[in-house]
């Protein structure tokens, strides 16, 4: 039986134990798991029915989280990331993160504004996130809808509301110019 939770410490412990769950992010509901865990990431792909060629977004709690990914931000990228409005595609050729970037050697990172989510990430470490839906279906609009769709395929659900019903703006900075991809 999947758990419906509120406590950020319990959720962070579950994520650190390679469990996956559905949470409200500051954009839409997402399926999340520990970024460094191939097991968690692969489980998300399986539960969602996601194409294995599509990379995932990584949510961080602070700029320093990028150090493990060997990411060097430009001042412009750092400023954009700190707004919380964008998922920014950054180069990450590290083989140990192939399970996230799927051979593209880039990862989209987002620094959410939501305090509770940032606290969870601060406790668990960076998490991967993708919209909470089955591949090709619209994203869910409530935890109740998520429970109907995913049932016990995920390990936990976090009660709460999203800020919007739209995914984050996906961008890349090329030659100092912002290129919007979504």
N, C-alpha and C. Protein backbone atom coordinates (compact mmCIF):
# COMPACT_ATOMS: atom_id res chain seq x y z
N UNK A 1 0.84 -1.19 0.00
CA UNK A 1 0.00 0.00 0.00
C UNK A 1 0.88 1.24 0.00
N UNK A 2 0.65 2.16 -0.92
CA UNK A 2 1.38 3.43 -0.97
C UNK A 2 0.93 4.32 0.18
N UNK A 3 1.84 5.13 0.66
CA UNK A 3 1.57 6.02 1.78
C UNK A 3 1.18 7.42 1.28
N UNK A 4 0.23 8.05 1.96
CA UNK A 4 -0.10 9.44 1.72
C UNK A 4 0.50 10.21 2.89
N UNK A 5 1.46 11.07 2.58
CA UNK A 5 2.28 11.69 3.62
C UNK A 5 2.23 13.20 3.58
N UNK A 6 2.68 13.80 4.67
CA UNK A 6 2.87 15.25 4.78
C UNK A 6 4.27 15.57 5.28
N UNK A 7 4.86 14.66 6.03
CA UNK A 7 6.12 14.90 6.74
C UNK A 7 7.33 14.88 5.81
N UNK A 8 8.04 16.00 5.72
CA UNK A 8 9.16 16.11 4.79
C UNK A 8 10.32 15.18 5.15
N UNK A 9 10.56 14.93 6.44
CA UNK A 9 11.65 14.03 6.83
C UNK A 9 11.37 12.59 6.38
N UNK A 10 10.13 12.16 6.54
CA UNK A 10 9.76 10.80 6.12
C UNK A 10 9.89 10.67 4.60
N UNK A 11 9.44 11.68 3.88
CA UNK A 11 9.54 11.65 2.42
C UNK A 11 11.00 11.63 1.99
N UNK A 12 11.83 12.47 2.58
CA UNK A 12 13.26 12.49 2.25
C UNK A 12 13.90 11.13 2.53
N UNK A 13 13.53 10.49 3.64
CA UNK A 13 14.06 9.16 3.96
C UNK A 13 13.63 8.13 2.93
N UNK A 14 12.37 8.19 2.51
CA UNK A 14 11.90 7.26 1.48
C UNK A 14 12.66 7.47 0.17
N UNK A 15 12.82 8.73 -0.22
CA UNK A 15 13.57 9.02 -1.45
C UNK A 15 15.01 8.52 -1.32
N UNK A 16 15.64 8.76 -0.18
CA UNK A 16 17.02 8.29 0.05
C UNK A 16 17.11 6.78 0.05
N UNK A 17 15.98 6.10 0.31
CA UNK A 17 15.93 4.63 0.30
C UNK A 17 15.49 4.10 -1.06
N UNK A 18 15.62 4.94 -2.09
CA UNK A 18 15.35 4.56 -3.48
C UNK A 18 13.87 4.33 -3.78
N UNK A 19 13.01 4.96 -3.01
CA UNK A 19 11.56 4.90 -3.26
C UNK A 19 11.19 6.05 -4.18
N UNK A 20 10.07 5.89 -4.91
CA UNK A 20 9.58 6.96 -5.77
C UNK A 20 8.18 7.37 -5.33
N UNK A 21 7.82 8.61 -5.65
CA UNK A 21 6.52 9.08 -5.23
C UNK A 21 5.99 10.19 -6.12
N UNK A 22 4.76 10.56 -5.87
CA UNK A 22 4.10 11.65 -6.58
C UNK A 22 3.97 12.81 -5.61
N UNK A 23 4.48 13.97 -6.03
CA UNK A 23 4.43 15.16 -5.18
C UNK A 23 3.97 16.37 -6.00
N UNK A 24 3.37 17.34 -5.34
CA UNK A 24 3.09 18.59 -6.04
C UNK A 24 4.39 19.41 -6.08
N UNK A 25 4.81 19.78 -7.27
CA UNK A 25 5.98 20.67 -7.36
C UNK A 25 5.44 22.09 -7.47
N UNK A 26 6.32 23.03 -7.67
CA UNK A 26 5.84 24.39 -7.80
C UNK A 26 5.32 24.68 -9.21
N UNK A 27 5.31 23.67 -10.06
CA UNK A 27 4.68 23.80 -11.37
C UNK A 27 3.51 22.81 -11.45
N UNK A 28 3.81 21.54 -11.71
CA UNK A 28 2.77 20.51 -11.82
C UNK A 28 3.12 19.36 -10.88
N UNK A 29 2.23 18.38 -10.79
CA UNK A 29 2.53 17.18 -10.00
C UNK A 29 3.60 16.39 -10.73
N UNK A 30 4.55 15.85 -9.97
CA UNK A 30 5.63 15.10 -10.57
C UNK A 30 5.84 13.77 -9.90
N UNK A 31 6.42 12.85 -10.67
CA UNK A 31 6.91 11.59 -10.12
C UNK A 31 8.39 11.84 -9.84
N UNK A 32 8.81 11.59 -8.61
CA UNK A 32 10.18 11.92 -8.21
C UNK A 32 10.90 10.73 -7.61
N UNK A 33 12.22 10.80 -7.66
CA UNK A 33 13.08 9.79 -7.06
C UNK A 33 14.49 10.36 -6.93
N UNK A 34 15.34 9.66 -6.25
CA UNK A 34 16.71 10.10 -5.99
C UNK A 34 17.51 10.13 -7.30
N UNK A 35 18.08 11.29 -7.63
CA UNK A 35 18.78 11.46 -8.90
C UNK A 35 19.97 10.52 -9.06
N UNK A 36 20.73 10.30 -7.99
CA UNK A 36 21.93 9.47 -8.13
C UNK A 36 21.62 7.97 -8.22
N UNK A 37 20.37 7.59 -8.03
CA UNK A 37 19.99 6.18 -8.02
C UNK A 37 19.44 5.71 -9.37
N UNK A 38 20.20 4.84 -10.03
CA UNK A 38 19.72 4.25 -11.29
C UNK A 38 18.43 3.46 -11.04
N UNK A 39 18.37 2.81 -9.89
CA UNK A 39 17.20 2.00 -9.54
C UNK A 39 15.94 2.87 -9.49
N UNK A 40 16.03 4.02 -8.81
CA UNK A 40 14.87 4.93 -8.71
C UNK A 40 14.49 5.48 -10.07
N UNK A 41 15.48 5.92 -10.83
CA UNK A 41 15.22 6.50 -12.14
C UNK A 41 14.58 5.47 -13.07
N UNK A 42 15.11 4.26 -13.09
CA UNK A 42 14.54 3.22 -13.96
C UNK A 42 13.12 2.86 -13.55
N UNK A 43 12.85 2.89 -12.24
CA UNK A 43 11.48 2.61 -11.77
C UNK A 43 10.52 3.69 -12.26
N UNK A 44 10.96 4.95 -12.26
CA UNK A 44 10.11 6.04 -12.76
C UNK A 44 9.80 5.83 -14.24
N UNK A 45 10.81 5.48 -15.03
CA UNK A 45 10.59 5.23 -16.46
C UNK A 45 9.57 4.11 -16.65
N UNK A 46 9.69 3.05 -15.86
CA UNK A 46 8.80 1.90 -15.99
C UNK A 46 7.36 2.27 -15.59
N UNK A 47 7.19 2.91 -14.44
CA UNK A 47 5.86 3.27 -13.94
C UNK A 47 5.15 4.22 -14.90
N UNK A 48 5.88 5.16 -15.41
CA UNK A 48 5.30 6.17 -16.31
C UNK A 48 5.09 5.61 -17.71
N UNK A 49 5.87 4.59 -18.09
CA UNK A 49 5.84 4.11 -19.46
C UNK A 49 6.57 5.08 -20.37
N UNK A 50 7.55 5.78 -19.80
CA UNK A 50 8.29 6.84 -20.51
C UNK A 50 9.30 6.24 -21.48
N UNK A 51 9.41 6.86 -22.63
CA UNK A 51 10.40 6.46 -23.62
C UNK A 51 11.79 6.51 -22.98
N UNK A 52 12.57 5.49 -23.19
CA UNK A 52 13.90 5.41 -22.56
C UNK A 52 14.88 6.42 -23.14
N UNK A 53 14.50 7.11 -24.20
CA UNK A 53 15.37 8.10 -24.83
C UNK A 53 15.15 9.52 -24.32
N UNK A 54 14.17 9.70 -23.42
CA UNK A 54 13.86 11.03 -22.92
C UNK A 54 14.55 11.27 -21.59
N UNK A 55 15.39 12.30 -21.50
CA UNK A 55 16.04 12.61 -20.22
C UNK A 55 15.04 13.16 -19.20
N UNK A 56 15.48 13.23 -17.96
CA UNK A 56 14.65 13.76 -16.88
C UNK A 56 15.21 15.09 -16.39
N UNK A 57 14.39 15.83 -15.67
CA UNK A 57 14.81 17.07 -15.03
C UNK A 57 15.29 16.73 -13.61
N UNK A 58 16.30 17.44 -13.15
CA UNK A 58 16.80 17.27 -11.80
C UNK A 58 16.46 18.52 -11.00
N UNK A 59 15.80 18.32 -9.86
CA UNK A 59 15.48 19.41 -8.95
C UNK A 59 16.56 19.46 -7.88
N UNK A 60 17.05 20.67 -7.61
CA UNK A 60 18.09 20.88 -6.61
C UNK A 60 17.56 21.82 -5.53
N UNK A 61 18.20 21.81 -4.37
CA UNK A 61 17.76 22.69 -3.28
C UNK A 61 18.60 23.95 -3.18
N UNK A 62 19.79 23.91 -3.80
CA UNK A 62 20.71 25.06 -3.75
C UNK A 62 21.71 24.92 -4.89
N UNK A 63 22.32 26.02 -5.27
CA UNK A 63 23.28 26.04 -6.38
C UNK A 63 24.43 25.05 -6.13
N UNK A 64 24.87 24.91 -4.88
CA UNK A 64 25.98 24.02 -4.55
C UNK A 64 25.69 22.56 -4.92
N UNK A 65 24.41 22.18 -5.06
CA UNK A 65 24.06 20.81 -5.45
C UNK A 65 24.63 20.46 -6.82
N UNK A 66 24.93 21.46 -7.63
CA UNK A 66 25.45 21.23 -8.98
C UNK A 66 26.90 20.74 -8.98
N UNK A 67 27.59 20.89 -7.86
CA UNK A 67 29.00 20.49 -7.79
C UNK A 67 29.21 19.02 -8.10
N UNK A 68 28.32 18.15 -7.61
CA UNK A 68 28.47 16.72 -7.86
C UNK A 68 28.29 16.38 -9.33
N UNK A 69 27.61 17.24 -10.06
CA UNK A 69 27.38 17.04 -11.49
C UNK A 69 28.48 17.70 -12.33
N UNK A 70 29.43 18.35 -11.64
CA UNK A 70 30.54 19.07 -12.29
C UNK A 70 30.02 20.15 -13.24
N UNK A 71 28.99 20.87 -12.78
CA UNK A 71 28.38 21.93 -13.57
C UNK A 71 29.01 23.27 -13.20
N UNK A 72 29.44 24.00 -14.21
CA UNK A 72 29.93 25.36 -14.03
C UNK A 72 28.93 26.30 -14.68
N UNK A 73 28.30 27.12 -13.87
CA UNK A 73 27.28 28.04 -14.37
C UNK A 73 27.88 29.37 -14.79
N UNK A 74 27.33 29.92 -15.85
CA UNK A 74 27.64 31.31 -16.16
C UNK A 74 26.82 32.16 -15.19
N UNK A 75 27.16 33.42 -15.06
CA UNK A 75 26.39 34.33 -14.18
C UNK A 75 24.94 34.40 -14.64
N UNK A 76 24.72 34.41 -15.93
CA UNK A 76 23.35 34.48 -16.48
C UNK A 76 22.57 33.22 -16.11
N UNK A 77 23.19 32.04 -16.28
CA UNK A 77 22.52 30.79 -15.95
C UNK A 77 22.19 30.72 -14.46
N UNK A 78 23.12 31.16 -13.62
CA UNK A 78 22.87 31.15 -12.18
C UNK A 78 21.70 32.07 -11.83
N UNK A 79 21.68 33.23 -12.40
CA UNK A 79 20.59 34.18 -12.14
C UNK A 79 19.25 33.60 -12.58
N UNK A 80 19.21 32.98 -13.74
CA UNK A 80 17.97 32.37 -14.25
C UNK A 80 17.53 31.21 -13.37
N UNK A 81 18.49 30.38 -12.96
CA UNK A 81 18.18 29.22 -12.13
C UNK A 81 17.60 29.67 -10.79
N UNK A 82 18.14 30.73 -10.22
CA UNK A 82 17.69 31.21 -8.92
C UNK A 82 16.27 31.78 -8.96
N UNK A 83 15.73 32.09 -10.13
CA UNK A 83 14.36 32.60 -10.21
C UNK A 83 13.35 31.51 -9.88
N UNK A 84 13.73 30.24 -10.10
CA UNK A 84 12.82 29.13 -9.86
C UNK A 84 11.82 28.92 -10.99
N UNK A 85 11.86 29.76 -12.00
CA UNK A 85 10.89 29.69 -13.09
C UNK A 85 11.31 28.79 -14.24
N UNK A 86 12.60 28.45 -14.28
CA UNK A 86 13.13 27.75 -15.44
C UNK A 86 13.78 26.43 -15.09
N UNK A 87 13.66 25.49 -16.02
CA UNK A 87 14.51 24.31 -16.04
C UNK A 87 15.55 24.62 -17.10
N UNK A 88 16.81 24.65 -16.71
CA UNK A 88 17.88 25.08 -17.60
C UNK A 88 18.73 23.88 -18.00
N UNK A 89 18.86 23.67 -19.29
CA UNK A 89 19.68 22.58 -19.81
C UNK A 89 21.14 22.98 -19.72
N UNK A 90 21.93 22.13 -19.04
CA UNK A 90 23.34 22.40 -18.82
C UNK A 90 24.15 21.17 -19.22
N UNK A 91 25.39 21.36 -19.68
CA UNK A 91 26.22 20.22 -20.06
C UNK A 91 26.60 19.37 -18.85
N UNK A 92 26.46 18.05 -19.01
CA UNK A 92 26.84 17.11 -17.95
C UNK A 92 27.25 15.80 -18.61
N UNK A 93 28.50 15.72 -19.07
CA UNK A 93 28.95 14.52 -19.78
C UNK A 93 29.36 13.36 -18.89
N UNK A 94 29.18 13.47 -17.58
CA UNK A 94 29.60 12.41 -16.68
C UNK A 94 28.83 11.12 -16.95
N UNK A 95 29.58 10.03 -17.18
CA UNK A 95 28.97 8.73 -17.45
C UNK A 95 28.09 8.26 -16.30
N UNK A 96 28.46 8.62 -15.06
CA UNK A 96 27.69 8.14 -13.92
C UNK A 96 26.26 8.69 -13.91
N UNK A 97 25.98 9.69 -14.76
CA UNK A 97 24.61 10.23 -14.84
C UNK A 97 23.93 9.90 -16.17
N UNK A 98 24.45 8.89 -16.88
CA UNK A 98 23.79 8.42 -18.11
C UNK A 98 22.33 8.05 -17.86
N UNK A 99 22.05 7.51 -16.67
CA UNK A 99 20.68 7.09 -16.37
C UNK A 99 19.72 8.27 -16.33
N UNK A 100 20.25 9.50 -16.19
CA UNK A 100 19.41 10.70 -16.21
C UNK A 100 19.43 11.33 -17.60
N UNK A 101 20.65 11.58 -18.14
CA UNK A 101 20.73 12.32 -19.40
C UNK A 101 20.57 11.46 -20.64
N UNK A 102 20.55 10.15 -20.47
CA UNK A 102 20.24 9.20 -21.54
C UNK A 102 21.14 9.37 -22.77
N UNK A 103 22.41 9.73 -22.52
CA UNK A 103 23.37 9.86 -23.61
C UNK A 103 23.41 11.23 -24.28
N UNK A 104 22.57 12.15 -23.84
CA UNK A 104 22.58 13.50 -24.42
C UNK A 104 23.70 14.36 -23.84
N UNK A 105 24.28 13.92 -22.72
CA UNK A 105 25.35 14.66 -22.04
C UNK A 105 24.94 16.05 -21.59
N UNK A 106 23.64 16.24 -21.40
CA UNK A 106 23.10 17.46 -20.82
C UNK A 106 21.99 17.06 -19.86
N UNK A 107 21.78 17.89 -18.85
CA UNK A 107 20.69 17.66 -17.90
C UNK A 107 20.01 19.00 -17.66
N UNK A 108 18.69 18.98 -17.59
CA UNK A 108 17.94 20.17 -17.22
C UNK A 108 17.82 20.20 -15.70
N UNK A 109 18.21 21.32 -15.11
CA UNK A 109 18.14 21.50 -13.66
C UNK A 109 17.15 22.60 -13.34
N UNK A 110 16.46 22.43 -12.21
CA UNK A 110 15.56 23.48 -11.72
C UNK A 110 15.73 23.62 -10.22
N UNK A 111 15.71 24.85 -9.77
CA UNK A 111 15.78 25.18 -8.35
C UNK A 111 14.39 25.68 -7.96
N UNK A 112 13.54 24.79 -7.42
CA UNK A 112 12.16 25.19 -7.12
C UNK A 112 12.09 26.30 -6.08
N UNK A 113 11.01 27.05 -6.13
CA UNK A 113 10.76 28.09 -5.12
C UNK A 113 10.10 27.51 -3.88
N UNK A 114 9.36 26.41 -4.04
CA UNK A 114 8.59 25.82 -2.96
C UNK A 114 9.51 25.40 -1.81
N UNK A 115 9.29 26.01 -0.65
CA UNK A 115 10.15 25.79 0.52
C UNK A 115 10.15 24.33 0.98
N UNK A 116 8.98 23.70 1.04
CA UNK A 116 8.90 22.31 1.51
C UNK A 116 9.66 21.37 0.58
N UNK A 117 9.52 21.58 -0.73
CA UNK A 117 10.24 20.73 -1.69
C UNK A 117 11.75 20.94 -1.55
N UNK A 118 12.17 22.19 -1.39
CA UNK A 118 13.60 22.45 -1.21
C UNK A 118 14.13 21.79 0.06
N UNK A 119 13.32 21.79 1.12
CA UNK A 119 13.74 21.13 2.37
C UNK A 119 13.86 19.62 2.18
N UNK A 120 12.92 19.03 1.45
CA UNK A 120 12.99 17.59 1.15
C UNK A 120 14.27 17.29 0.38
N UNK A 121 14.54 18.08 -0.67
CA UNK A 121 15.73 17.87 -1.50
C UNK A 121 17.00 18.09 -0.68
N UNK A 122 16.98 19.06 0.19
CA UNK A 122 18.14 19.32 1.04
C UNK A 122 18.45 18.10 1.91
N UNK A 123 17.41 17.40 2.36
CA UNK A 123 17.60 16.20 3.20
C UNK A 123 17.96 14.96 2.38
N UNK A 124 17.37 14.81 1.19
CA UNK A 124 17.57 13.59 0.40
C UNK A 124 18.71 13.70 -0.60
N UNK A 125 18.99 14.89 -1.07
CA UNK A 125 19.88 15.10 -2.20
C UNK A 125 19.03 15.37 -3.42
N UNK A 126 19.66 15.82 -4.53
CA UNK A 126 18.90 16.14 -5.74
C UNK A 126 17.99 15.00 -6.17
N UNK A 127 16.83 15.38 -6.71
CA UNK A 127 15.85 14.39 -7.16
C UNK A 127 15.53 14.61 -8.64
N UNK A 128 15.21 13.51 -9.31
CA UNK A 128 14.71 13.61 -10.68
C UNK A 128 13.21 13.81 -10.60
N UNK A 129 12.69 14.47 -11.62
CA UNK A 129 11.25 14.70 -11.66
C UNK A 129 10.77 14.66 -13.11
N UNK A 130 9.59 14.14 -13.27
CA UNK A 130 8.90 14.15 -14.56
C UNK A 130 7.42 14.30 -14.25
N UNK A 131 6.67 14.79 -15.20
CA UNK A 131 5.24 15.00 -14.95
C UNK A 131 4.58 13.70 -14.51
N UNK A 132 3.64 13.83 -13.59
CA UNK A 132 2.92 12.66 -13.06
C UNK A 132 1.77 12.33 -14.02
N UNK A 133 2.05 11.42 -14.90
CA UNK A 133 1.07 10.91 -15.86
C UNK A 133 1.69 9.71 -16.55
N UNK A 134 0.84 8.94 -17.18
CA UNK A 134 1.35 7.87 -18.04
C UNK A 134 1.76 8.52 -19.36
N UNK A 135 2.77 7.99 -20.00
CA UNK A 135 3.28 8.56 -21.25
C UNK A 135 2.15 8.82 -22.24
N UNK A 136 2.11 10.04 -22.77
CA UNK A 136 1.10 10.41 -23.75
C UNK A 136 -0.19 10.94 -23.17
N UNK A 137 -0.38 10.83 -21.87
CA UNK A 137 -1.59 11.32 -21.20
C UNK A 137 -1.32 12.69 -20.59
N UNK A 138 -2.37 13.47 -20.32
CA UNK A 138 -2.14 14.77 -19.68
C UNK A 138 -1.69 14.59 -18.23
N UNK A 139 -0.90 15.55 -17.71
CA UNK A 139 -0.48 15.48 -16.31
C UNK A 139 -1.69 15.49 -15.37
N UNK A 140 -1.54 14.81 -14.24
CA UNK A 140 -2.62 14.77 -13.25
C UNK A 140 -2.83 16.16 -12.67
N UNK A 141 -4.01 16.39 -12.13
CA UNK A 141 -4.34 17.69 -11.55
C UNK A 141 -4.57 17.63 -10.04
N UNK A 142 -4.49 16.41 -9.46
CA UNK A 142 -4.66 16.26 -8.02
C UNK A 142 -4.01 14.96 -7.56
N UNK A 143 -3.71 14.89 -6.28
CA UNK A 143 -3.15 13.66 -5.72
C UNK A 143 -4.17 12.52 -5.85
N UNK A 144 -5.44 12.85 -5.66
CA UNK A 144 -6.49 11.81 -5.78
C UNK A 144 -6.48 11.19 -7.18
N UNK A 145 -6.30 12.03 -8.20
CA UNK A 145 -6.20 11.52 -9.57
C UNK A 145 -4.96 10.66 -9.73
N UNK A 146 -3.85 11.09 -9.11
CA UNK A 146 -2.62 10.30 -9.15
C UNK A 146 -2.78 8.94 -8.52
N UNK A 147 -3.49 8.88 -7.39
CA UNK A 147 -3.74 7.60 -6.72
C UNK A 147 -4.55 6.67 -7.61
N UNK A 148 -5.53 7.21 -8.31
CA UNK A 148 -6.34 6.39 -9.23
C UNK A 148 -5.50 5.82 -10.37
N UNK A 149 -4.58 6.63 -10.87
CA UNK A 149 -3.77 6.20 -12.02
C UNK A 149 -2.62 5.28 -11.60
N UNK A 150 -1.87 5.67 -10.57
CA UNK A 150 -0.65 4.94 -10.21
C UNK A 150 -0.83 3.89 -9.11
N UNK A 151 -1.90 4.02 -8.35
CA UNK A 151 -2.19 3.07 -7.26
C UNK A 151 -0.93 2.79 -6.45
N UNK A 152 -0.51 1.53 -6.40
CA UNK A 152 0.67 1.13 -5.62
C UNK A 152 1.94 1.04 -6.46
N UNK A 153 1.90 1.57 -7.68
CA UNK A 153 3.11 1.56 -8.52
C UNK A 153 4.17 2.52 -7.98
N UNK A 154 3.73 3.52 -7.22
CA UNK A 154 4.67 4.42 -6.56
C UNK A 154 4.60 4.13 -5.06
N UNK A 155 5.62 4.56 -4.34
CA UNK A 155 5.73 4.21 -2.92
C UNK A 155 5.05 5.19 -1.98
N UNK A 156 4.87 6.44 -2.43
CA UNK A 156 4.25 7.44 -1.57
C UNK A 156 3.64 8.57 -2.39
N UNK A 157 2.76 9.29 -1.74
CA UNK A 157 2.13 10.49 -2.29
C UNK A 157 2.26 11.60 -1.27
N UNK A 158 2.56 12.81 -1.74
CA UNK A 158 2.62 13.97 -0.86
C UNK A 158 1.40 14.84 -1.14
N UNK A 159 0.58 15.03 -0.11
CA UNK A 159 -0.60 15.89 -0.22
C UNK A 159 -0.14 17.33 -0.43
N UNK A 160 -0.89 18.06 -1.23
CA UNK A 160 -0.57 19.46 -1.45
C UNK A 160 -1.07 19.94 -2.79
N UNK A 161 -0.88 21.20 -3.05
CA UNK A 161 -1.34 21.83 -4.28
C UNK A 161 -0.13 22.29 -5.09
N UNK A 162 -0.33 22.37 -6.40
CA UNK A 162 0.69 22.92 -7.28
C UNK A 162 0.41 24.40 -7.49
N UNK A 163 1.43 25.10 -7.95
CA UNK A 163 1.28 26.52 -8.21
C UNK A 163 0.54 26.76 -9.53
N UNK A 164 0.76 25.88 -10.50
CA UNK A 164 0.13 26.03 -11.81
C UNK A 164 -0.19 24.65 -12.36
N UNK A 165 -0.72 24.61 -13.53
CA UNK A 165 -0.96 23.33 -14.21
C UNK A 165 -0.11 23.22 -15.46
N UNK A 166 0.99 23.98 -15.50
CA UNK A 166 1.89 23.96 -16.64
C UNK A 166 3.29 23.55 -16.19
N UNK A 167 3.99 22.78 -17.04
CA UNK A 167 5.36 22.43 -16.69
C UNK A 167 6.25 23.68 -16.69
N UNK A 168 7.44 23.53 -16.12
CA UNK A 168 8.37 24.66 -16.08
C UNK A 168 8.79 25.05 -17.50
N UNK A 169 9.25 26.27 -17.62
CA UNK A 169 9.80 26.74 -18.89
C UNK A 169 11.17 26.09 -19.05
N UNK A 170 11.38 25.42 -20.18
CA UNK A 170 12.64 24.74 -20.46
C UNK A 170 13.48 25.63 -21.36
N UNK A 171 14.68 25.97 -20.89
CA UNK A 171 15.54 26.87 -21.66
C UNK A 171 16.97 26.35 -21.72
N UNK A 172 17.70 26.97 -22.63
CA UNK A 172 19.13 26.73 -22.76
C UNK A 172 19.75 28.08 -23.07
N UNK A 173 20.91 28.35 -22.50
CA UNK A 173 21.61 29.60 -22.80
C UNK A 173 22.72 29.26 -23.80
N UNK A 174 22.63 29.85 -24.99
CA UNK A 174 23.62 29.63 -26.03
C UNK A 174 24.20 30.97 -26.46
N UNK A 175 25.51 31.09 -26.40
CA UNK A 175 26.19 32.34 -26.78
C UNK A 175 25.58 33.54 -26.06
N UNK A 176 25.25 33.36 -24.79
CA UNK A 176 24.70 34.45 -23.98
C UNK A 176 23.24 34.76 -24.22
N UNK A 177 22.61 34.04 -25.14
CA UNK A 177 21.20 34.27 -25.45
C UNK A 177 20.35 33.12 -24.95
N UNK A 178 19.14 33.45 -24.45
CA UNK A 178 18.22 32.44 -23.94
C UNK A 178 17.44 31.84 -25.10
N UNK A 179 17.47 30.52 -25.18
CA UNK A 179 16.71 29.79 -26.18
C UNK A 179 15.63 29.00 -25.46
N UNK A 180 14.36 29.35 -25.69
CA UNK A 180 13.26 28.66 -25.02
C UNK A 180 12.87 27.43 -25.84
N UNK A 181 12.86 26.27 -25.17
CA UNK A 181 12.53 25.01 -25.81
C UNK A 181 11.13 24.52 -25.49
N UNK A 182 10.56 25.02 -24.37
CA UNK A 182 9.20 24.67 -23.99
C UNK A 182 8.63 25.81 -23.17
